[in-house]
Amino acid sequence: MDSYSFVRPGKLKLKGEKKKKHHKRHHESKPKVEKTERILEADAHGGWWSVKEFDEVKDSIAIQVYVATDKPLTADGFEAATHSGQDANNKEFTGACYLSATDEGLVVIGPPRKYGEPPAPEEIFTAMQVSDTKVAFKSGLVSVR
């Protein structure tokens, strides 16, 4: 008789080892941004929206700046209502202003934009991730393929 016929094929089982059941790992899903919120923001800025995570900073970007001015008073001495925004220090925020690159290589704050108006071409930068925590910006239009 063949001695191999007495051997039970299978995994080696040790005395103190218990059989463990493998559980599937459930990944925590990231909270999804409301599409309606992003669509409303894109409508307000001519198709542009704000980034929430570092990984979204790539390709063409526009850097928005809020400029605060003293609130104007009306003829009767009351503060004028503003549609663009206010803060607690009695300052008024203008519409969307973007950083703009000049021909001399300077970066300045561009003129305020109206609701739904996109940034001008000189206000659009190209972002390149240098490392996990650093980003480089290039002014001018670059076609990324």
N, C-alpha and C. Protein backbone atom coordinates (compact mmCIF):
# COMPACT_ATOMS: atom_id res chain seq x y z
N MET A 1 0.83 -1.17 0.00
CA MET A 1 0.00 0.00 0.00
C MET A 1 0.88 1.24 0.00
N ASP A 2 0.39 2.22 -0.63
CA ASP A 2 1.13 3.46 -0.79
C ASP A 2 1.06 4.27 0.50
N SER A 3 2.20 4.74 1.02
CA SER A 3 2.22 5.50 2.27
C SER A 3 1.63 6.90 2.11
N TYR A 4 1.57 7.41 0.88
CA TYR A 4 1.00 8.73 0.66
C TYR A 4 -0.53 8.73 0.78
N SER A 5 -1.16 7.59 0.71
CA SER A 5 -2.62 7.55 0.81
C SER A 5 -3.10 7.78 2.24
N PHE A 6 -2.21 7.59 3.24
CA PHE A 6 -2.59 7.82 4.63
C PHE A 6 -2.49 9.30 5.04
N VAL A 7 -1.85 10.11 4.24
CA VAL A 7 -1.63 11.52 4.57
C VAL A 7 -2.87 12.31 4.20
N ARG A 8 -3.29 13.17 5.12
CA ARG A 8 -4.42 14.05 4.84
C ARG A 8 -3.89 15.35 4.23
N PRO A 9 -4.29 15.65 3.03
CA PRO A 9 -3.81 16.90 2.43
C PRO A 9 -4.52 18.10 3.07
N GLY A 10 -3.83 19.22 3.13
CA GLY A 10 -4.43 20.43 3.69
C GLY A 10 -3.42 21.25 4.43
N LYS A 11 -3.91 22.29 5.07
CA LYS A 11 -3.06 23.21 5.80
C LYS A 11 -2.57 22.56 7.09
N LEU A 12 -1.35 22.90 7.49
CA LEU A 12 -0.79 22.40 8.73
C LEU A 12 -1.51 23.05 9.90
N LYS A 13 -2.05 22.24 10.81
CA LYS A 13 -2.81 22.74 11.94
C LYS A 13 -2.02 22.49 13.21
N LEU A 14 -1.74 23.57 13.95
CA LEU A 14 -1.00 23.44 15.19
C LEU A 14 -1.98 23.30 16.35
N LYS A 15 -1.48 22.78 17.50
CA LYS A 15 -2.37 22.46 18.61
C LYS A 15 -3.06 23.67 19.22
N GLY A 16 -2.34 24.74 19.52
CA GLY A 16 -2.94 25.87 20.22
C GLY A 16 -3.62 26.88 19.31
N GLU A 17 -3.62 26.64 18.04
CA GLU A 17 -4.15 27.62 17.10
C GLU A 17 -5.65 27.46 16.91
N LYS A 18 -6.36 28.56 17.02
CA LYS A 18 -7.80 28.55 16.79
C LYS A 18 -8.06 29.01 15.36
N LYS A 19 -9.15 28.56 14.81
CA LYS A 19 -9.53 28.97 13.46
C LYS A 19 -10.13 30.37 13.53
N LYS A 20 -9.56 31.29 12.72
CA LYS A 20 -10.02 32.68 12.72
C LYS A 20 -10.77 32.96 11.44
N LYS A 21 -11.82 33.71 11.59
CA LYS A 21 -12.61 34.10 10.44
C LYS A 21 -12.07 35.43 9.92
N HIS A 22 -11.91 35.55 8.63
CA HIS A 22 -11.44 36.80 8.04
C HIS A 22 -12.64 37.70 7.77
N HIS A 23 -12.58 38.92 8.29
CA HIS A 23 -13.64 39.89 8.10
C HIS A 23 -13.22 40.88 7.02
N LYS A 24 -14.18 41.28 6.21
CA LYS A 24 -13.89 42.29 5.21
C LYS A 24 -13.75 43.64 5.89
N ARG A 25 -12.75 44.38 5.48
CA ARG A 25 -12.51 45.70 6.05
C ARG A 25 -13.39 46.71 5.34
N HIS A 26 -14.15 47.45 6.13
CA HIS A 26 -15.01 48.48 5.57
C HIS A 26 -14.24 49.80 5.56
N HIS A 27 -14.07 50.37 4.40
CA HIS A 27 -13.37 51.65 4.27
C HIS A 27 -14.33 52.78 4.60
N GLU A 28 -13.82 53.74 5.36
CA GLU A 28 -14.64 54.90 5.67
C GLU A 28 -14.70 55.79 4.44
N SER A 29 -15.89 56.09 4.02
CA SER A 29 -16.02 56.94 2.84
C SER A 29 -15.84 58.40 3.24
N LYS A 30 -15.17 59.15 2.37
CA LYS A 30 -14.97 60.57 2.62
C LYS A 30 -16.31 61.28 2.42
N PRO A 31 -16.56 62.29 3.22
CA PRO A 31 -17.83 63.01 3.02
C PRO A 31 -17.82 63.68 1.65
N LYS A 32 -18.82 63.38 0.87
CA LYS A 32 -18.89 63.92 -0.48
C LYS A 32 -19.43 65.34 -0.44
N VAL A 33 -18.83 66.17 -1.26
CA VAL A 33 -19.27 67.56 -1.35
C VAL A 33 -20.58 67.58 -2.12
N GLU A 34 -21.51 68.34 -1.59
CA GLU A 34 -22.79 68.46 -2.28
C GLU A 34 -22.55 69.02 -3.67
N LYS A 35 -23.07 68.34 -4.68
CA LYS A 35 -22.90 68.82 -6.04
C LYS A 35 -23.62 70.14 -6.24
N THR A 36 -24.73 70.32 -5.55
CA THR A 36 -25.45 71.58 -5.71
C THR A 36 -24.62 72.74 -5.17
N GLU A 37 -23.89 72.51 -4.07
CA GLU A 37 -23.04 73.56 -3.50
C GLU A 37 -21.93 73.93 -4.48
N ARG A 38 -21.32 72.93 -5.09
CA ARG A 38 -20.24 73.19 -6.05
C ARG A 38 -20.77 73.85 -7.31
N ILE A 39 -21.96 73.48 -7.74
CA ILE A 39 -22.55 74.08 -8.94
C ILE A 39 -22.89 75.54 -8.67
N LEU A 40 -23.44 75.85 -7.49
CA LEU A 40 -23.75 77.24 -7.15
C LEU A 40 -22.48 78.08 -7.09
N GLU A 41 -21.43 77.51 -6.53
CA GLU A 41 -20.17 78.24 -6.45
C GLU A 41 -19.56 78.44 -7.83
N ALA A 42 -19.69 77.46 -8.70
CA ALA A 42 -19.18 77.59 -10.06
C ALA A 42 -19.96 78.65 -10.84
N ASP A 43 -21.26 78.74 -10.61
CA ASP A 43 -22.06 79.77 -11.26
C ASP A 43 -21.64 81.17 -10.81
N ALA A 44 -21.30 81.30 -9.54
CA ALA A 44 -20.93 82.61 -9.00
C ALA A 44 -19.58 83.09 -9.50
N HIS A 45 -18.72 82.17 -9.91
CA HIS A 45 -17.36 82.54 -10.31
C HIS A 45 -17.04 82.14 -11.74
N GLY A 46 -18.03 82.03 -12.59
CA GLY A 46 -17.78 81.77 -14.00
C GLY A 46 -17.24 80.38 -14.29
N GLY A 47 -17.70 79.37 -13.57
CA GLY A 47 -17.25 78.00 -13.81
C GLY A 47 -16.11 77.56 -12.90
N TRP A 48 -15.67 78.40 -11.99
CA TRP A 48 -14.59 78.07 -11.06
C TRP A 48 -15.18 77.77 -9.69
N TRP A 49 -14.55 76.88 -8.93
CA TRP A 49 -15.00 76.55 -7.58
C TRP A 49 -13.79 76.44 -6.66
N SER A 50 -14.04 76.46 -5.36
CA SER A 50 -12.93 76.40 -4.40
C SER A 50 -12.52 74.95 -4.17
N VAL A 51 -11.26 74.76 -3.82
CA VAL A 51 -10.75 73.43 -3.54
C VAL A 51 -10.84 73.18 -2.04
N LYS A 52 -11.11 71.96 -1.68
CA LYS A 52 -11.25 71.60 -0.27
C LYS A 52 -10.06 70.78 0.22
N GLU A 53 -9.35 70.11 -0.69
CA GLU A 53 -8.23 69.25 -0.31
C GLU A 53 -7.00 69.61 -1.13
N PHE A 54 -5.84 69.27 -0.61
CA PHE A 54 -4.58 69.59 -1.27
C PHE A 54 -4.44 68.89 -2.62
N ASP A 55 -5.01 67.71 -2.75
CA ASP A 55 -4.90 66.95 -4.01
C ASP A 55 -5.64 67.62 -5.16
N GLU A 56 -6.57 68.51 -4.87
CA GLU A 56 -7.33 69.18 -5.92
C GLU A 56 -6.57 70.37 -6.51
N VAL A 57 -5.45 70.75 -5.91
CA VAL A 57 -4.66 71.90 -6.40
C VAL A 57 -3.76 71.40 -7.52
N LYS A 58 -4.22 71.53 -8.75
CA LYS A 58 -3.43 71.14 -9.91
C LYS A 58 -4.01 71.81 -11.14
N ASP A 59 -3.22 71.85 -12.19
CA ASP A 59 -3.59 72.46 -13.47
C ASP A 59 -3.90 73.95 -13.30
N SER A 60 -4.96 74.43 -13.91
CA SER A 60 -5.28 75.86 -13.91
C SER A 60 -6.04 76.24 -12.65
N ILE A 61 -5.54 77.28 -11.97
CA ILE A 61 -6.20 77.76 -10.76
C ILE A 61 -6.24 79.29 -10.78
N ALA A 62 -7.16 79.85 -10.02
CA ALA A 62 -7.24 81.30 -9.80
C ALA A 62 -7.31 81.50 -8.29
N ILE A 63 -6.50 82.40 -7.77
CA ILE A 63 -6.44 82.63 -6.32
C ILE A 63 -7.30 83.85 -5.99
N GLN A 64 -8.40 83.60 -5.26
CA GLN A 64 -9.35 84.66 -4.94
C GLN A 64 -8.94 85.35 -3.64
N VAL A 65 -9.09 86.67 -3.63
CA VAL A 65 -8.75 87.49 -2.47
C VAL A 65 -9.95 88.36 -2.15
N TYR A 66 -10.26 88.47 -0.86
CA TYR A 66 -11.32 89.38 -0.43
C TYR A 66 -10.66 90.67 0.05
N VAL A 67 -11.08 91.79 -0.50
CA VAL A 67 -10.52 93.09 -0.13
C VAL A 67 -11.53 93.79 0.77
N ALA A 68 -11.08 94.20 1.97
CA ALA A 68 -11.96 94.87 2.93
C ALA A 68 -11.81 96.37 2.82
N THR A 69 -12.92 97.08 2.80
CA THR A 69 -12.93 98.54 2.80
C THR A 69 -13.86 99.01 3.90
N ASP A 70 -13.74 100.28 4.30
CA ASP A 70 -14.67 100.83 5.29
C ASP A 70 -16.06 100.89 4.69
N LYS A 71 -17.06 100.59 5.51
CA LYS A 71 -18.43 100.57 5.01
C LYS A 71 -18.91 101.99 4.74
N PRO A 72 -19.51 102.24 3.60
CA PRO A 72 -20.01 103.59 3.32
C PRO A 72 -21.31 103.86 4.09
N LEU A 73 -21.53 105.12 4.37
CA LEU A 73 -22.76 105.54 5.03
C LEU A 73 -23.69 106.17 4.00
N THR A 74 -24.98 105.98 4.19
CA THR A 74 -25.96 106.59 3.31
C THR A 74 -26.18 108.04 3.73
N ALA A 75 -27.01 108.77 2.99
CA ALA A 75 -27.26 110.19 3.26
C ALA A 75 -27.89 110.41 4.63
N ASP A 76 -28.71 109.45 5.11
CA ASP A 76 -29.36 109.63 6.40
C ASP A 76 -28.51 109.11 7.57
N GLY A 77 -27.26 108.71 7.32
CA GLY A 77 -26.36 108.31 8.39
C GLY A 77 -26.35 106.83 8.70
N PHE A 78 -27.19 106.03 8.04
CA PHE A 78 -27.20 104.60 8.27
C PHE A 78 -26.19 103.91 7.35
N GLU A 79 -25.75 102.75 7.80
CA GLU A 79 -24.80 102.00 6.98
C GLU A 79 -25.52 101.41 5.78
N ALA A 80 -24.87 101.47 4.65
CA ALA A 80 -25.45 100.92 3.43
C ALA A 80 -25.39 99.40 3.48
N ALA A 81 -26.47 98.79 3.03
CA ALA A 81 -26.50 97.33 2.96
C ALA A 81 -25.63 96.88 1.79
N THR A 82 -24.95 95.80 1.99
CA THR A 82 -24.06 95.30 0.94
C THR A 82 -24.47 93.89 0.56
N HIS A 83 -24.31 93.58 -0.70
CA HIS A 83 -24.64 92.23 -1.16
C HIS A 83 -23.40 91.36 -1.21
N SER A 84 -22.22 91.93 -1.04
CA SER A 84 -21.00 91.17 -1.22
C SER A 84 -20.46 90.56 0.06
N GLY A 85 -20.79 91.09 1.24
CA GLY A 85 -20.37 90.47 2.48
C GLY A 85 -19.85 91.48 3.48
N GLN A 86 -19.92 91.12 4.78
CA GLN A 86 -19.45 91.99 5.85
C GLN A 86 -18.79 91.12 6.90
N ASP A 87 -17.91 91.74 7.70
CA ASP A 87 -17.34 91.01 8.81
C ASP A 87 -17.67 91.73 10.12
N ALA A 88 -17.18 91.20 11.24
CA ALA A 88 -17.52 91.75 12.56
C ALA A 88 -16.83 93.07 12.84
N ASN A 89 -15.80 93.43 12.09
CA ASN A 89 -15.06 94.67 12.33
C ASN A 89 -15.60 95.84 11.53
N ASN A 90 -16.85 95.75 11.09
CA ASN A 90 -17.50 96.83 10.35
C ASN A 90 -16.79 97.11 9.02
N LYS A 91 -16.30 96.08 8.38
CA LYS A 91 -15.65 96.21 7.08
C LYS A 91 -16.54 95.58 6.03
N GLU A 92 -16.47 96.11 4.83
CA GLU A 92 -17.24 95.57 3.72
C GLU A 92 -16.29 94.84 2.78
N PHE A 93 -16.71 93.67 2.30
CA PHE A 93 -15.91 92.92 1.35
C PHE A 93 -16.44 93.17 -0.05
N THR A 94 -15.54 93.45 -0.97
CA THR A 94 -15.93 93.66 -2.36
C THR A 94 -16.22 92.32 -3.00
N GLY A 95 -16.56 92.33 -4.29
CA GLY A 95 -16.80 91.10 -5.02
C GLY A 95 -15.52 90.30 -5.16
N ALA A 96 -15.53 89.32 -6.03
CA ALA A 96 -14.39 88.44 -6.21
C ALA A 96 -13.23 89.18 -6.85
N CYS A 97 -12.11 89.27 -6.14
CA CYS A 97 -10.86 89.82 -6.68
C CYS A 97 -9.87 88.66 -6.75
N TYR A 98 -9.12 88.60 -7.82
CA TYR A 98 -8.16 87.51 -8.00
C TYR A 98 -6.76 88.07 -8.10
N LEU A 99 -5.76 87.28 -7.68
CA LEU A 99 -4.37 87.67 -7.87
C LEU A 99 -4.08 87.67 -9.36
N SER A 100 -3.35 88.68 -9.82
CA SER A 100 -3.08 88.85 -11.24
C SER A 100 -1.58 88.99 -11.46
N ALA A 101 -1.07 88.39 -12.53
CA ALA A 101 0.35 88.49 -12.88
C ALA A 101 0.53 89.62 -13.88
N THR A 102 1.54 90.46 -13.66
CA THR A 102 1.83 91.56 -14.58
C THR A 102 2.97 91.16 -15.52
N ASP A 103 3.20 91.99 -16.55
CA ASP A 103 4.28 91.71 -17.50
C ASP A 103 5.65 91.86 -16.86
N GLU A 104 5.75 92.65 -15.79
CA GLU A 104 7.03 92.86 -15.11
C GLU A 104 7.37 91.72 -14.15
N GLY A 105 6.48 90.76 -13.99
CA GLY A 105 6.72 89.65 -13.09
C GLY A 105 6.16 89.84 -11.69
N LEU A 106 5.42 90.91 -11.48
CA LEU A 106 4.82 91.16 -10.17
C LEU A 106 3.47 90.47 -10.07
N VAL A 107 3.05 90.21 -8.85
CA VAL A 107 1.72 89.66 -8.59
C VAL A 107 0.94 90.72 -7.83
N VAL A 108 -0.18 91.17 -8.39
CA VAL A 108 -1.00 92.22 -7.79
C VAL A 108 -2.44 91.73 -7.68
N ILE A 109 -3.25 92.46 -6.93
CA ILE A 109 -4.67 92.13 -6.82
C ILE A 109 -5.40 92.77 -7.99
N GLY A 110 -6.13 91.97 -8.74
CA GLY A 110 -6.85 92.46 -9.90
C GLY A 110 -8.11 93.20 -9.52
N PRO A 111 -8.83 93.72 -10.51
CA PRO A 111 -10.06 94.46 -10.24
C PRO A 111 -11.18 93.52 -9.76
N PRO A 112 -12.17 94.05 -9.03
CA PRO A 112 -13.29 93.21 -8.58
C PRO A 112 -14.10 92.69 -9.76
N ARG A 113 -14.60 91.49 -9.63
CA ARG A 113 -15.41 90.86 -10.67
C ARG A 113 -16.86 90.84 -10.24
N LYS A 114 -17.74 90.90 -11.22
CA LYS A 114 -19.18 90.82 -10.95
C LYS A 114 -19.57 89.36 -10.74
N TYR A 115 -20.78 89.17 -10.27
CA TYR A 115 -21.31 87.82 -10.04
C TYR A 115 -21.35 87.07 -11.37
N GLY A 116 -20.76 85.88 -11.41
CA GLY A 116 -20.78 85.04 -12.60
C GLY A 116 -19.68 85.35 -13.60
N GLU A 117 -18.86 86.35 -13.33
CA GLU A 117 -17.79 86.71 -14.26
C GLU A 117 -16.53 85.91 -13.91
N PRO A 118 -15.95 85.20 -14.88
CA PRO A 118 -14.76 84.39 -14.59
C PRO A 118 -13.51 85.27 -14.48
N PRO A 119 -12.43 84.73 -13.94
CA PRO A 119 -11.19 85.50 -13.87
C PRO A 119 -10.60 85.71 -15.26
N ALA A 120 -9.85 86.80 -15.42
CA ALA A 120 -9.20 87.12 -16.69
C ALA A 120 -8.03 86.16 -16.91
N PRO A 121 -7.55 86.03 -18.15
CA PRO A 121 -6.42 85.10 -18.42
C PRO A 121 -5.17 85.41 -17.61
N GLU A 122 -4.89 86.68 -17.32
CA GLU A 122 -3.70 86.99 -16.53
C GLU A 122 -3.89 86.67 -15.05
N GLU A 123 -5.12 86.34 -14.64
CA GLU A 123 -5.41 85.95 -13.26
C GLU A 123 -5.43 84.44 -13.07
N ILE A 124 -5.12 83.70 -14.12
CA ILE A 124 -5.12 82.24 -14.06
C ILE A 124 -3.68 81.76 -13.99
N PHE A 125 -3.38 80.95 -12.99
CA PHE A 125 -2.05 80.40 -12.78
C PHE A 125 -2.09 78.90 -13.04
N THR A 126 -0.93 78.32 -13.30
CA THR A 126 -0.80 76.87 -13.43
C THR A 126 -0.12 76.36 -12.17
N ALA A 127 -0.74 75.42 -11.48
CA ALA A 127 -0.19 74.87 -10.24
C ALA A 127 0.42 73.51 -10.51
N MET A 128 1.62 73.32 -9.97
CA MET A 128 2.31 72.04 -10.09
C MET A 128 2.72 71.60 -8.69
N GLN A 129 2.37 70.37 -8.31
CA GLN A 129 2.73 69.87 -7.00
C GLN A 129 4.21 69.46 -7.01
N VAL A 130 5.00 70.12 -6.15
CA VAL A 130 6.42 69.83 -6.06
C VAL A 130 6.65 68.63 -5.15
N SER A 131 5.95 68.59 -4.03
CA SER A 131 6.03 67.47 -3.09
C SER A 131 4.65 67.26 -2.50
N ASP A 132 4.58 66.49 -1.43
CA ASP A 132 3.29 66.23 -0.80
C ASP A 132 2.72 67.45 -0.10
N THR A 133 3.56 68.43 0.22
CA THR A 133 3.10 69.60 0.96
C THR A 133 3.39 70.92 0.26
N LYS A 134 4.04 70.90 -0.91
CA LYS A 134 4.43 72.14 -1.57
C LYS A 134 3.87 72.21 -2.99
N VAL A 135 3.53 73.44 -3.40
CA VAL A 135 2.99 73.69 -4.73
C VAL A 135 3.76 74.84 -5.35
N ALA A 136 4.05 74.73 -6.65
CA ALA A 136 4.68 75.82 -7.39
C ALA A 136 3.65 76.40 -8.35
N PHE A 137 3.65 77.73 -8.51
CA PHE A 137 2.70 78.41 -9.40
C PHE A 137 3.45 79.03 -10.56
N LYS A 138 2.89 78.91 -11.75
CA LYS A 138 3.45 79.52 -12.94
C LYS A 138 2.39 80.43 -13.53
N SER A 139 2.78 81.65 -13.87
CA SER A 139 1.82 82.56 -14.48
C SER A 139 1.81 82.34 -15.98
N GLY A 140 0.71 82.70 -16.61
CA GLY A 140 0.57 82.50 -18.05
C GLY A 140 -0.21 81.24 -18.34
N LEU A 141 -0.72 81.16 -19.56
CA LEU A 141 -1.51 80.01 -19.95
C LEU A 141 -0.61 78.89 -20.43
N VAL A 142 -0.85 77.70 -19.92
CA VAL A 142 -0.11 76.51 -20.32
C VAL A 142 -1.13 75.44 -20.62
N SER A 143 -1.01 74.80 -21.78
CA SER A 143 -1.93 73.71 -22.09
C SER A 143 -1.37 72.44 -21.48
N VAL A 144 -2.15 71.82 -20.59
CA VAL A 144 -1.75 70.61 -19.90
C VAL A 144 -2.45 69.44 -20.56
N ARG A 145 -1.67 68.48 -20.99
CA ARG A 145 -2.26 67.30 -21.65
C ARG A 145 -1.93 66.05 -20.92
